[in-house]
């Protein structure tokens, strides 16, 4: 049976609407959740381009609107189980990106029947949507890895020639106690031993909702698939680190500075978080040190974490400075010890 010609216009109209709806969800995510003006503008421009393509072709927009018949759409009331739930912001963005990309692909094909000159324009937009989806999803992933829920409590796993069994146990004790970010540090071992220790550290974190960071070793972080690396003034510069394949958007780069220095030491917009190391040997904070922390926290556009002794008074004094979280180093850590610090942070945040 030959389909009516108006059904082609109906198909084009439906897919135009689907594409604009999907793009709008992506645009609002970039705009409202992340204040990302570049991605927001890119998506807004694509919406306008799509509408412009149709309007430039004489009578096409009118024919599409006339052919609209949503009342008899066979999928009007149909919704798959996957469409009824989302696992997070990245899931929402991916679903709507795919919706838009597939709709543009349908238009790209069907305009060939009567308006073949438009097909290439739709194709170019489709490929731009692929690139924007990647950028936005990586932006979301990076935010999730360095959000307050992850950086409120960071635990440093220090490998002082521990056995792999001990590395595994310390790591699991840390996230079982409530740590959101774990940093593996080994400043004494050779390359092979560092690699093997880091591998065991990451194996212990497998499938757990924690952010995994290796200190100072971008190469091992990339090879082993850690979430990121923590650098300092003795490491490869941050900007150079970003040029490594896979170390761009979505890969976390933290930067560690001492309390005696200031964050002008690094271009702050190039990193994802700052770690302020101990201001003195005891990790107790005096008034001058608290002023430095507050100044850095006020001026820094990225989350600030302070390394301290984990004592209730010290933790509360640091949090009062407006920082994002606390970092602690506990040798032979036990989950109940980490849990005590987690409780202090939660109690402070609840205002009780």
C-alpha atoms as a PDB file:
ATOM      1  CA  UNK A   1       0.000   0.000   0.000  1.00  0.00           C
ATOM      2  CA  UNK A   2       1.374   3.395  -0.990  1.00  0.00           C
ATOM      3  CA  UNK A   3       1.691   5.798   1.930  1.00  0.00           C
ATOM      4  CA  UNK A   4       0.150   9.272   1.576  1.00  0.00           C
ATOM      5  CA  UNK A   5       2.715  11.991   0.806  1.00  0.00           C
ATOM      6  CA  UNK A   6       1.530  13.962   3.814  1.00  0.00           C
ATOM      7  CA  UNK A   7       2.820  11.161   6.062  1.00  0.00           C
ATOM      8  CA  UNK A   8       6.372  12.127   5.145  1.00  0.00           C
ATOM      9  CA  UNK A   9       5.680  15.660   6.366  1.00  0.00           C
ATOM     10  CA  UNK A  10       4.107  14.188   9.464  1.00  0.00           C
ATOM     11  CA  UNK A  11       7.294  12.185  10.077  1.00  0.00           C
ATOM     12  CA  UNK A  12       9.452  15.264   9.587  1.00  0.00           C
ATOM     13  CA  UNK A  13       7.294  17.294  11.971  1.00  0.00           C
ATOM     14  CA  UNK A  14       7.341  14.633  14.687  1.00  0.00           C
ATOM     15  CA  UNK A  15      11.103  14.241  14.493  1.00  0.00           C
ATOM     16  CA  UNK A  16      11.682  17.974  14.467  1.00  0.00           C
ATOM     17  CA  UNK A  17       9.724  18.179  17.712  1.00  0.00           C
ATOM     18  CA  UNK A  18      11.610  15.206  19.187  1.00  0.00           C
ATOM     19  CA  UNK A  19      14.968  16.725  18.331  1.00  0.00           C
ATOM     20  CA  UNK A  20      14.092  20.146  19.767  1.00  0.00           C
ATOM     21  CA  UNK A  21      12.749  18.578  22.967  1.00  0.00           C
ATOM     22  CA  UNK A  22      15.896  16.516  23.478  1.00  0.00           C
ATOM     23  CA  UNK A  23      18.185  19.461  22.790  1.00  0.00           C
ATOM     24  CA  UNK A  24      16.207  21.673  25.171  1.00  0.00           C
ATOM     25  CA  UNK A  25      16.755  19.187  28.038  1.00  0.00           C
ATOM     26  CA  UNK A  26      20.495  19.184  27.330  1.00  0.00           C
ATOM     27  CA  UNK A  27      20.548  22.961  27.090  1.00  0.00           C
ATOM     28  CA  UNK A  28      18.745  23.460  30.392  1.00  0.00           C
ATOM     29  CA  UNK A  29      21.108  21.000  32.064  1.00  0.00           C
ATOM     30  CA  UNK A  30      24.166  22.937  30.888  1.00  0.00           C
ATOM     31  CA  UNK A  31      22.543  26.245  31.806  1.00  0.00           C
ATOM     32  CA  UNK A  32      20.827  25.576  35.129  1.00  0.00           C
ATOM     33  CA  UNK A  33      22.905  22.809  36.687  1.00  0.00           C
ATOM     34  CA  UNK A  34      26.402  23.775  35.564  1.00  0.00           C
ATOM     35  CA  UNK A  35      26.265  27.449  34.506  1.00  0.00           C
ATOM     36  CA  UNK A  36      28.153  26.442  31.365  1.00  0.00           C
ATOM     37  CA  UNK A  37      27.644  29.350  28.979  1.00  0.00           C
ATOM     38  CA  UNK A  38      29.626  27.768  26.131  1.00  0.00           C
ATOM     39  CA  UNK A  39      27.649  24.525  25.992  1.00  0.00           C
ATOM     40  CA  UNK A  40      24.386  26.388  26.576  1.00  0.00           C
ATOM     41  CA  UNK A  41      25.069  28.709  23.637  1.00  0.00           C
ATOM     42  CA  UNK A  42      26.079  25.828  21.381  1.00  0.00           C
ATOM     43  CA  UNK A  43      22.859  23.937  22.079  1.00  0.00           C
ATOM     44  CA  UNK A  44      20.729  27.070  21.709  1.00  0.00           C
ATOM     45  CA  UNK A  45      22.340  27.777  18.339  1.00  0.00           C
ATOM     46  CA  UNK A  46      21.640  24.232  17.143  1.00  0.00           C
ATOM     47  CA  UNK A  47      17.957  24.589  18.079  1.00  0.00           C
ATOM     48  CA  UNK A  48      17.710  27.770  16.063  1.00  0.00           C
ATOM     49  CA  UNK A  49      19.574  26.225  13.127  1.00  0.00           C
ATOM     50  CA  UNK A  50      17.176  23.278  13.000  1.00  0.00           C
ATOM     51  CA  UNK A  51      14.179  25.576  12.883  1.00  0.00           C
ATOM     52  CA  UNK A  52      15.938  27.772  10.317  1.00  0.00           C
ATOM     53  CA  UNK A  53      16.595  24.872   7.939  1.00  0.00           C
ATOM     54  CA  UNK A  54      12.883  24.129   7.685  1.00  0.00           C
ATOM     55  CA  UNK A  55      11.771  27.747   7.479  1.00  0.00           C
ATOM     56  CA  UNK A  56      14.150  28.528   4.621  1.00  0.00           C
ATOM     57  CA  UNK A  57      12.461  25.933   2.399  1.00  0.00           C
ATOM     58  CA  UNK A  58       9.307  27.458   0.950  1.00  0.00           C
ATOM     59  CA  UNK A  59       6.082  25.976   2.377  1.00  0.00           C
ATOM     60  CA  UNK A  60       7.891  23.088   4.127  1.00  0.00           C
ATOM     61  CA  UNK A  61       7.175  24.395   7.617  1.00  0.00           C
ATOM     62  CA  UNK A  62       3.485  24.879   6.732  1.00  0.00           C
ATOM     63  CA  UNK A  63       3.189  21.383   5.245  1.00  0.00           C
ATOM     64  CA  UNK A  64       4.766  19.808   8.300  1.00  0.00           C
ATOM     65  CA  UNK A  65       2.411  21.604  10.663  1.00  0.00           C
ATOM     66  CA  UNK A  66      -0.624  20.696   8.556  1.00  0.00           C
ATOM     67  CA  UNK A  67       0.385  17.025   8.578  1.00  0.00           C
ATOM     68  CA  UNK A  68       0.694  16.873  12.362  1.00  0.00           C
ATOM     69  CA  UNK A  69      -1.640  14.245  13.828  1.00  0.00           C
ATOM     70  CA  UNK A  70      -0.514  13.381  17.341  1.00  0.00           C
ATOM     71  CA  UNK A  71      -3.950  11.992  18.199  1.00  0.00           C
ATOM     72  CA  UNK A  72      -3.432   8.872  16.090  1.00  0.00           C
ATOM     73  CA  UNK A  73       0.263   8.378  16.812  1.00  0.00           C
ATOM     74  CA  UNK A  74       0.585   4.666  17.609  1.00  0.00           C
ATOM     75  CA  UNK A  75       3.122   5.434  20.362  1.00  0.00           C
ATOM     76  CA  UNK A  76       1.190   8.297  21.921  1.00  0.00           C
ATOM     77  CA  UNK A  77       0.516   6.323  25.109  1.00  0.00           C
ATOM     78  CA  UNK A  78       3.438   3.927  24.881  1.00  0.00           C
ATOM     79  CA  UNK A  79       6.478   4.280  27.127  1.00  0.00           C
ATOM     80  CA  UNK A  80       9.184   1.706  27.705  1.00  0.00           C
ATOM     81  CA  UNK A  81      10.287   0.753  31.193  1.00  0.00           C
ATOM     82  CA  UNK A  82      13.660   2.437  30.658  1.00  0.00           C
ATOM     83  CA  UNK A  83      11.904   5.706  29.778  1.00  0.00           C
ATOM     84  CA  UNK A  84      10.097   5.723  33.113  1.00  0.00           C
ATOM     85  CA  UNK A  85      13.270   5.930  35.211  1.00  0.00           C
ATOM     86  CA  UNK A  86      16.666   7.632  35.156  1.00  0.00           C
ATOM     87  CA  UNK A  87      19.798   6.744  37.128  1.00  0.00           C
ATOM     88  CA  UNK A  88      21.161  10.261  37.375  1.00  0.00           C
ATOM     89  CA  UNK A  89      21.835  13.471  35.487  1.00  0.00           C
ATOM     90  CA  UNK A  90      24.174  11.795  32.994  1.00  0.00           C
ATOM     91  CA  UNK A  91      21.444   9.244  32.252  1.00  0.00           C
ATOM     92  CA  UNK A  92      18.975  12.062  31.545  1.00  0.00           C
ATOM     93  CA  UNK A  93      21.420  13.848  29.254  1.00  0.00           C
ATOM     94  CA  UNK A  94      22.391  10.702  27.342  1.00  0.00           C
ATOM     95  CA  UNK A  95      18.766   9.659  26.837  1.00  0.00           C
ATOM     96  CA  UNK A  96      17.831  13.072  25.458  1.00  0.00           C
ATOM     97  CA  UNK A  97      20.982  13.365  23.374  1.00  0.00           C
ATOM     98  CA  UNK A  98      20.207  10.040  21.715  1.00  0.00           C
ATOM     99  CA  UNK A  99      16.597  11.141  21.217  1.00  0.00           C
ATOM    100  CA  UNK A 100      17.765  14.276  19.412  1.00  0.00           C
ATOM    101  CA  UNK A 101      20.457  12.502  17.375  1.00  0.00           C
ATOM    102  CA  UNK A 102      18.073   9.781  16.195  1.00  0.00           C
ATOM    103  CA  UNK A 103      15.403  12.321  15.285  1.00  0.00           C
ATOM    104  CA  UNK A 104      17.858  14.414  13.270  1.00  0.00           C
ATOM    105  CA  UNK A 105      19.017  11.247  11.512  1.00  0.00           C
ATOM    106  CA  UNK A 106      15.413  10.468  10.504  1.00  0.00           C
ATOM    107  CA  UNK A 107      15.007  13.965   9.071  1.00  0.00           C
ATOM    108  CA  UNK A 108      18.376  13.681   7.350  1.00  0.00           C
ATOM    109  CA  UNK A 109      17.107  10.607   5.479  1.00  0.00           C
ATOM    110  CA  UNK A 110      13.542  11.620   4.658  1.00  0.00           C
ATOM    111  CA  UNK A 111      14.263  15.087   3.323  1.00  0.00           C
ATOM    112  CA  UNK A 112      16.145  13.270   0.546  1.00  0.00           C
ATOM    113  CA  UNK A 113      12.780  12.326  -0.985  1.00  0.00           C
ATOM    114  CA  UNK A 114      11.836  15.890  -1.891  1.00  0.00           C
ATOM    115  CA  UNK A 115      14.395  18.273  -0.369  1.00  0.00           C
ATOM    116  CA  UNK A 116      17.718  16.485  -0.840  1.00  0.00           C
ATOM    117  CA  UNK A 117      19.672  19.717  -0.489  1.00  0.00           C
ATOM    118  CA  UNK A 118      18.783  19.866   3.215  1.00  0.00           C
ATOM    119  CA  UNK A 119      20.167  16.440   4.129  1.00  0.00           C
ATOM    120  CA  UNK A 120      23.781  17.533   4.507  1.00  0.00           C
ATOM    121  CA  UNK A 121      22.766  20.322   6.904  1.00  0.00           C
ATOM    122  CA  UNK A 122      21.009  17.843   9.180  1.00  0.00           C
ATOM    123  CA  UNK A 123      24.036  15.565   9.029  1.00  0.00           C
ATOM    124  CA  UNK A 124      26.366  18.328  10.204  1.00  0.00           C
ATOM    125  CA  UNK A 125      24.068  19.087  13.127  1.00  0.00           C
ATOM    126  CA  UNK A 126      23.888  15.409  14.072  1.00  0.00           C
ATOM    127  CA  UNK A 127      27.671  15.175  14.351  1.00  0.00           C
ATOM    128  CA  UNK A 128      27.800  18.354  16.416  1.00  0.00           C
ATOM    129  CA  UNK A 129      25.299  16.785  18.795  1.00  0.00           C
ATOM    130  CA  UNK A 130      27.602  13.791  19.234  1.00  0.00           C
ATOM    131  CA  UNK A 131      30.442  16.101  20.283  1.00  0.00           C
ATOM    132  CA  UNK A 132      28.272  18.143  22.641  1.00  0.00           C
ATOM    133  CA  UNK A 133      26.873  15.015  24.291  1.00  0.00           C
ATOM    134  CA  UNK A 134      30.426  13.886  25.031  1.00  0.00           C
ATOM    135  CA  UNK A 135      31.414  17.256  26.503  1.00  0.00           C
ATOM    136  CA  UNK A 136      28.303  17.525  28.657  1.00  0.00           C
ATOM    137  CA  UNK A 137      28.412  13.959  29.983  1.00  0.00           C
ATOM    138  CA  UNK A 138      32.103  14.316  30.853  1.00  0.00           C
ATOM    139  CA  UNK A 139      31.279  17.593  32.601  1.00  0.00           C
ATOM    140  CA  UNK A 140      28.619  15.800  34.643  1.00  0.00           C
ATOM    141  CA  UNK A 141      30.924  12.900  35.490  1.00  0.00           C
ATOM    142  CA  UNK A 142      33.652  15.271  36.640  1.00  0.00           C
ATOM    143  CA  UNK A 143      31.161  17.143  38.812  1.00  0.00           C
ATOM    144  CA  UNK A 144      29.962  13.912  40.393  1.00  0.00           C
ATOM    145  CA  UNK A 145      33.538  12.840  41.144  1.00  0.00           C
ATOM    146  CA  UNK A 146      34.425  16.145  42.813  1.00  0.00           C
ATOM    147  CA  UNK A 147      31.068  17.162  44.254  1.00  0.00           C
ATOM    148  CA  UNK A 148      30.567  17.861  47.932  1.00  0.00           C
ATOM    149  CA  UNK A 149      29.383  14.321  48.602  1.00  0.00           C
ATOM    150  CA  UNK A 150      32.722  12.957  47.408  1.00  0.00           C
ATOM    151  CA  UNK A 151      35.108  15.595  48.768  1.00  0.00           C
ATOM    152  CA  UNK A 152      33.580  16.052  52.215  1.00  0.00           C
ATOM    153  CA  UNK A 153      35.825  13.281  53.523  1.00  0.00           C
ATOM    154  CA  UNK A 154      39.043  12.283  51.764  1.00  0.00           C
ATOM    155  CA  UNK A 155      41.271   9.576  53.171  1.00  0.00           C
ATOM    156  CA  UNK A 156      44.935   9.287  52.265  1.00  0.00           C
ATOM    157  CA  UNK A 157      46.131   5.697  51.884  1.00  0.00           C
ATOM    158  CA  UNK A 158      49.864   5.956  52.515  1.00  0.00           C
ATOM    159  CA  UNK A 159      51.912   3.009  51.291  1.00  0.00           C
ATOM    160  CA  UNK A 160      54.925   2.773  53.584  1.00  0.00           C
ATOM    161  CA  UNK A 161      55.966  -0.600  52.209  1.00  0.00           C
ATOM    162  CA  UNK A 162      52.632  -2.123  53.170  1.00  0.00           C
ATOM    163  CA  UNK A 163      51.758  -5.525  51.818  1.00  0.00           C
ATOM    164  CA  UNK A 164      49.144  -5.661  49.097  1.00  0.00           C
ATOM    165  CA  UNK A 165      46.878  -7.305  51.643  1.00  0.00           C
ATOM    166  CA  UNK A 166      47.261  -4.281  53.939  1.00  0.00           C
ATOM    167  CA  UNK A 167      46.648  -1.818  51.096  1.00  0.00           C
ATOM    168  CA  UNK A 168      43.453  -3.670  50.267  1.00  0.00           C
ATOM    169  CA  UNK A 169      42.253  -3.668  53.877  1.00  0.00           C
ATOM    170  CA  UNK A 170      43.081  -0.015  54.522  1.00  0.00           C
ATOM    171  CA  UNK A 171      41.344   1.018  51.340  1.00  0.00           C
ATOM    172  CA  UNK A 172      38.176  -0.909  52.120  1.00  0.00           C
ATOM    173  CA  UNK A 173      38.148   0.353  55.708  1.00  0.00           C
ATOM    174  CA  UNK A 174      38.275   3.909  54.387  1.00  0.00           C
ATOM    175  CA  UNK A 175      35.231   3.805  52.134  1.00  0.00           C
ATOM    176  CA  UNK A 176      33.319   1.530  54.491  1.00  0.00           C
ATOM    177  CA  UNK A 177      33.821   4.243  57.108  1.00  0.00           C
ATOM    178  CA  UNK A 178      32.254   6.844  54.822  1.00  0.00           C
ATOM    179  CA  UNK A 179      35.082   8.336  52.775  1.00  0.00           C
ATOM    180  CA  UNK A 180      34.013   9.701  49.405  1.00  0.00           C
ATOM    181  CA  UNK A 181      37.489  10.192  47.964  1.00  0.00           C
ATOM    182  CA  UNK A 182      40.566   8.020  48.428  1.00  0.00           C
ATOM    183  CA  UNK A 183      44.086   9.156  47.566  1.00  0.00           C
ATOM    184  CA  UNK A 184      46.885   6.609  47.141  1.00  0.00           C
ATOM    185  CA  UNK A 185      50.289   7.967  48.138  1.00  0.00           C
ATOM    186  CA  UNK A 186      53.677   6.276  47.822  1.00  0.00           C
ATOM    187  CA  UNK A 187      56.727   8.526  47.801  1.00  0.00           C
ATOM    188  CA  UNK A 188      59.295   5.841  48.642  1.00  0.00           C
ATOM    189  CA  UNK A 189      58.765   2.904  46.283  1.00  0.00           C
ATOM    190  CA  UNK A 190      60.250   2.353  42.847  1.00  0.00           C
ATOM    191  CA  UNK A 191      58.032   2.528  39.776  1.00  0.00           C
ATOM    192  CA  UNK A 192      57.142  -1.168  39.779  1.00  0.00           C
ATOM    193  CA  UNK A 193      56.176  -1.260  43.449  1.00  0.00           C
ATOM    194  CA  UNK A 194      54.158   1.939  43.123  1.00  0.00           C
ATOM    195  CA  UNK A 195      52.283   0.470  40.191  1.00  0.00           C
ATOM    196  CA  UNK A 196      51.494  -2.780  41.980  1.00  0.00           C
ATOM    197  CA  UNK A 197      50.378  -0.973  45.138  1.00  0.00           C
ATOM    198  CA  UNK A 198      48.185   1.399  43.151  1.00  0.00           C
ATOM    199  CA  UNK A 199      46.688  -1.528  41.266  1.00  0.00           C
ATOM    200  CA  UNK A 200      45.713  -3.224  44.532  1.00  0.00           C
ATOM    201  CA  UNK A 201      44.302   0.055  45.811  1.00  0.00           C
ATOM    202  CA  UNK A 202      42.097   0.413  42.743  1.00  0.00           C
ATOM    203  CA  UNK A 203      41.058  -3.251  42.847  1.00  0.00           C
ATOM    204  CA  UNK A 204      39.788  -2.703  46.385  1.00  0.00           C
ATOM    205  CA  UNK A 205      37.678   0.220  45.106  1.00  0.00           C
ATOM    206  CA  UNK A 206      36.202  -1.681  42.174  1.00  0.00           C
ATOM    207  CA  UNK A 207      32.466  -0.969  41.702  1.00  0.00           C
ATOM    208  CA  UNK A 208      32.383   1.255  44.801  1.00  0.00           C
ATOM    209  CA  UNK A 209      31.031   4.815  44.630  1.00  0.00           C
ATOM    210  CA  UNK A 210      34.275   6.513  45.611  1.00  0.00           C
ATOM    211  CA  UNK A 211      36.594   8.841  43.722  1.00  0.00           C
ATOM    212  CA  UNK A 212      40.027   7.229  43.277  1.00  0.00           C
ATOM    213  CA  UNK A 213      43.106   9.439  43.049  1.00  0.00           C
ATOM    214  CA  UNK A 214      46.798   8.591  42.665  1.00  0.00           C
ATOM    215  CA  UNK A 215      49.274  11.114  44.029  1.00  0.00           C
ATOM    216  CA  UNK A 216      51.849  12.419  41.584  1.00  0.00           C
ATOM    217  CA  UNK A 217      51.676   9.629  39.011  1.00  0.00           C
ATOM    218  CA  UNK A 218      49.692  10.646  35.968  1.00  0.00           C
ATOM    219  CA  UNK A 219      51.121   7.733  33.984  1.00  0.00           C
ATOM    220  CA  UNK A 220      49.897   5.106  36.450  1.00  0.00           C
ATOM    221  CA  UNK A 221      46.539   6.841  36.844  1.00  0.00           C
ATOM    222  CA  UNK A 222      45.980   6.702  33.081  1.00  0.00           C
ATOM    223  CA  UNK A 223      47.161   3.097  32.695  1.00  0.00           C
ATOM    224  CA  UNK A 224      45.216   1.736  35.675  1.00  0.00           C
ATOM    225  CA  UNK A 225      42.050   3.746  35.105  1.00  0.00           C
ATOM    226  CA  UNK A 226      42.006   5.856  38.272  1.00  0.00           C
ATOM    227  CA  UNK A 227      39.518   8.723  38.377  1.00  0.00           C
ATOM    228  CA  UNK A 228      42.312  11.241  38.624  1.00  0.00           C
ATOM    229  CA  UNK A 229      45.669  12.393  39.897  1.00  0.00           C
ATOM    230  CA  UNK A 230      46.801  14.753  42.640  1.00  0.00           C
ATOM    231  CA  UNK A 231      49.701  16.991  41.640  1.00  0.00           C
ATOM    232  CA  UNK A 232      51.947  19.466  43.438  1.00  0.00           C
ATOM    233  CA  UNK A 233      54.663  21.955  42.517  1.00  0.00           C
ATOM    234  CA  UNK A 234      57.198  19.142  41.971  1.00  0.00           C
ATOM    235  CA  UNK A 235      54.995  17.301  39.428  1.00  0.00           C
ATOM    236  CA  UNK A 236      54.250  17.801  35.744  1.00  0.00           C
ATOM    237  CA  UNK A 237      52.441  21.152  35.330  1.00  0.00           C
ATOM    238  CA  UNK A 238      48.661  20.925  35.324  1.00  0.00           C
ATOM    239  CA  UNK A 239      48.292  22.396  31.837  1.00  0.00           C
ATOM    240  CA  UNK A 240      50.737  19.871  30.396  1.00  0.00           C
ATOM    241  CA  UNK A 241      48.961  17.039  32.211  1.00  0.00           C
ATOM    242  CA  UNK A 242      45.692  17.980  30.510  1.00  0.00           C
ATOM    243  CA  UNK A 243      47.276  17.366  27.099  1.00  0.00           C
ATOM    244  CA  UNK A 244      47.618  13.635  27.769  1.00  0.00           C
ATOM    245  CA  UNK A 245      45.025  11.548  25.960  1.00  0.00           C
ATOM    246  CA  UNK A 246      42.172  10.843  28.352  1.00  0.00           C
ATOM    247  CA  UNK A 247      43.244  13.481  30.902  1.00  0.00           C
ATOM    248  CA  UNK A 248      40.857  16.131  29.632  1.00  0.00           C
ATOM    249  CA  UNK A 249      37.266  16.693  30.698  1.00  0.00           C
ATOM    250  CA  UNK A 250      36.051  14.016  33.070  1.00  0.00           C
ATOM    251  CA  UNK A 251      39.523  13.231  34.440  1.00  0.00           C
ATOM    252  CA  UNK A 252      40.080  14.712  37.893  1.00  0.00           C
ATOM    253  CA  UNK A 253      43.204  16.741  38.600  1.00  0.00           C
ATOM    254  CA  UNK A 254      43.671  17.911  42.156  1.00  0.00           C
ATOM    255  CA  UNK A 255      46.463  20.147  43.352  1.00  0.00           C
ATOM    256  CA  UNK A 256      48.179  19.995  46.706  1.00  0.00           C
ATOM    257  CA  UNK A 257      49.676  23.139  48.249  1.00  0.00           C
ATOM    258  CA  UNK A 258      51.170  23.829  51.647  1.00  0.00           C
ATOM    259  CA  UNK A 259      49.551  26.241  54.045  1.00  0.00           C
ATOM    260  CA  UNK A 260      52.520  28.554  53.693  1.00  0.00           C
ATOM    261  CA  UNK A 261      51.919  29.084  49.992  1.00  0.00           C
ATOM    262  CA  UNK A 262      48.937  30.528  48.173  1.00  0.00           C
ATOM    263  CA  UNK A 263      46.806  29.292  45.329  1.00  0.00           C
ATOM    264  CA  UNK A 264      48.333  31.730  42.819  1.00  0.00           C
ATOM    265  CA  UNK A 265      50.999  29.010  42.547  1.00  0.00           C
ATOM    266  CA  UNK A 266      48.710  27.267  40.064  1.00  0.00           C
ATOM    267  CA  UNK A 267      46.086  28.501  37.622  1.00  0.00           C
ATOM    268  CA  UNK A 268      43.095  27.533  39.676  1.00  0.00           C
ATOM    269  CA  UNK A 269      40.684  27.149  36.756  1.00  0.00           C
ATOM    270  CA  UNK A 270      42.851  24.298  35.446  1.00  0.00           C
ATOM    271  CA  UNK A 271      42.296  22.012  38.461  1.00  0.00           C
ATOM    272  CA  UNK A 272      39.252  20.326  39.947  1.00  0.00           C
ATOM    273  CA  UNK A 273      40.053  20.730  43.644  1.00  0.00           C
ATOM    274  CA  UNK A 274      42.699  22.076  46.008  1.00  0.00           C
ATOM    275  CA  UNK A 275      44.184  20.168  48.924  1.00  0.00           C
ATOM    276  CA  UNK A 276      45.718  22.346  51.642  1.00  0.00           C
ATOM    277  CA  UNK A 277      48.333  20.279  53.395  1.00  0.00           C
ATOM    278  CA  UNK A 278      49.182  20.497  57.088  1.00  0.00           C
ATOM    279  CA  UNK A 279      50.150  23.968  58.190  1.00  0.00           C
ATOM    280  CA  UNK A 280      52.412  22.615  60.884  1.00  0.00           C
ATOM    281  CA  UNK A 281      53.683  19.303  62.209  1.00  0.00           C
ATOM    282  CA  UNK A 282      50.832  18.803  64.650  1.00  0.00           C
ATOM    283  CA  UNK A 283      48.043  19.640  62.167  1.00  0.00           C
ATOM    284  CA  UNK A 284      46.416  21.811  64.829  1.00  0.00           C
ATOM    285  CA  UNK A 285      45.195  25.094  63.395  1.00  0.00           C
ATOM    286  CA  UNK A 286      45.945  28.434  65.024  1.00  0.00           C
ATOM    287  CA  UNK A 287      44.207  31.719  64.243  1.00  0.00           C
ATOM    288  CA  UNK A 288      46.656  32.784  61.532  1.00  0.00           C
ATOM    289  CA  UNK A 289      46.336  29.449  59.766  1.00  0.00           C
ATOM    290  CA  UNK A 290      42.547  29.582  59.957  1.00  0.00           C
ATOM    291  CA  UNK A 291      42.630  33.026  58.346  1.00  0.00           C
ATOM    292  CA  UNK A 292      44.711  31.614  55.474  1.00  0.00           C
ATOM    293  CA  UNK A 293      42.265  28.757  54.985  1.00  0.00           C
ATOM    294  CA  UNK A 294      39.297  31.113  54.970  1.00  0.00           C
ATOM    295  CA  UNK A 295      40.986  33.437  52.467  1.00  0.00           C
ATOM    296  CA  UNK A 296      41.755  30.566  50.103  1.00  0.00           C
ATOM    297  CA  UNK A 297      38.264  29.072  50.475  1.00  0.00           C
ATOM    298  CA  UNK A 298      36.657  32.455  49.758  1.00  0.00           C
ATOM    299  CA  UNK A 299      38.710  33.114  46.630  1.00  0.00           C
ATOM    300  CA  UNK A 300      38.972  29.635  45.167  1.00  0.00           C
ATOM    301  CA  UNK A 301      36.486  28.806  42.361  1.00  0.00           C
ATOM    302  CA  UNK A 302      37.060  25.085  42.971  1.00  0.00           C
ATOM    303  CA  UNK A 303      36.447  22.923  46.071  1.00  0.00           C
ATOM    304  CA  UNK A 304      39.005  23.243  48.874  1.00  0.00           C
ATOM    305  CA  UNK A 305      39.939  20.340  51.141  1.00  0.00           C
ATOM    306  CA  UNK A 306      42.126  20.676  54.249  1.00  0.00           C
ATOM    307  CA  UNK A 307      44.424  17.945  55.537  1.00  0.00           C
ATOM    308  CA  UNK A 308      44.201  17.770  59.341  1.00  0.00           C
ATOM    309  CA  UNK A 309      44.471  15.393  62.290  1.00  0.00           C
ATOM    310  CA  UNK A 310      40.805  14.377  62.358  1.00  0.00           C
ATOM    311  CA  UNK A 311      40.268  15.612  65.921  1.00  0.00           C
ATOM    312  CA  UNK A 312      36.741  16.964  66.393  1.00  0.00           C
ATOM    313  CA  UNK A 313      37.851  20.486  67.309  1.00  0.00           C
ATOM    314  CA  UNK A 314      40.255  20.713  64.360  1.00  0.00           C
ATOM    315  CA  UNK A 315      37.687  19.395  61.896  1.00  0.00           C
ATOM    316  CA  UNK A 316      35.040  21.858  63.065  1.00  0.00           C
ATOM    317  CA  UNK A 317      37.442  24.814  62.980  1.00  0.00           C
ATOM    318  CA  UNK A 318      38.425  23.957  59.419  1.00  0.00           C
ATOM    319  CA  UNK A 319      34.818  23.491  58.268  1.00  0.00           C
ATOM    320  CA  UNK A 320      33.866  26.853  59.770  1.00  0.00           C
ATOM    321  CA  UNK A 321      36.245  28.435  57.247  1.00  0.00           C
ATOM    322  CA  UNK A 322      33.895  27.487  54.402  1.00  0.00           C
ATOM    323  CA  UNK A 323      35.910  24.650  52.917  1.00  0.00           C
ATOM    324  CA  UNK A 324      34.349  21.709  51.082  1.00  0.00           C
ATOM    325  CA  UNK A 325      35.866  18.884  53.068  1.00  0.00           C
ATOM    326  CA  UNK A 326      38.450  17.285  55.307  1.00  0.00           C
ATOM    327  CA  UNK A 327      41.348  15.045  54.382  1.00  0.00           C
ATOM    328  CA  UNK A 328      42.893  12.673  56.919  1.00  0.00           C
ATOM    329  CA  UNK A 329      45.816  10.302  56.932  1.00  0.00           C
ATOM    330  CA  UNK A 330      45.326   7.301  59.197  1.00  0.00           C
ATOM    331  CA  UNK A 331      47.944   4.564  59.197  1.00  0.00           C
ATOM    332  CA  UNK A 332      46.429   1.157  59.807  1.00  0.00           C
ATOM    333  CA  UNK A 333      43.005   2.734  59.390  1.00  0.00           C
ATOM    334  CA  UNK A 334      39.895   1.108  60.754  1.00  0.00           C
ATOM    335  CA  UNK A 335      36.452   1.821  59.405  1.00  0.00           C
ATOM    336  CA  UNK A 336      35.146   2.870  62.819  1.00  0.00           C
ATOM    337  CA  UNK A 337      37.875   5.559  63.068  1.00  0.00           C
ATOM    338  CA  UNK A 338      36.901   6.987  59.689  1.00  0.00           C
ATOM    339  CA  UNK A 339      33.248   6.746  60.700  1.00  0.00           C
ATOM    340  CA  UNK A 340      33.902   8.999  63.714  1.00  0.00           C
ATOM    341  CA  UNK A 341      35.244  11.721  61.421  1.00  0.00           C
ATOM    342  CA  UNK A 342      32.360  11.179  59.025  1.00  0.00           C
ATOM    343  CA  UNK A 343      29.948  11.685  61.928  1.00  0.00           C
ATOM    344  CA  UNK A 344      31.678  14.918  62.948  1.00  0.00           C
ATOM    345  CA  UNK A 345      31.297  16.270  59.402  1.00  0.00           C
ATOM    346  CA  UNK A 346      27.655  15.183  59.156  1.00  0.00           C
ATOM    347  CA  UNK A 347      26.861  16.699  62.538  1.00  0.00           C
ATOM    348  CA  UNK A 348      28.490  19.990  61.538  1.00  0.00           C
ATOM    349  CA  UNK A 349      26.607  20.110  58.216  1.00  0.00           C
ATOM    350  CA  UNK A 350      23.299  19.397  59.940  1.00  0.00           C
ATOM    351  CA  UNK A 351      23.882  22.349  62.242  1.00  0.00           C
ATOM    352  CA  UNK A 352      23.275  20.298  65.365  1.00  0.00           C
END
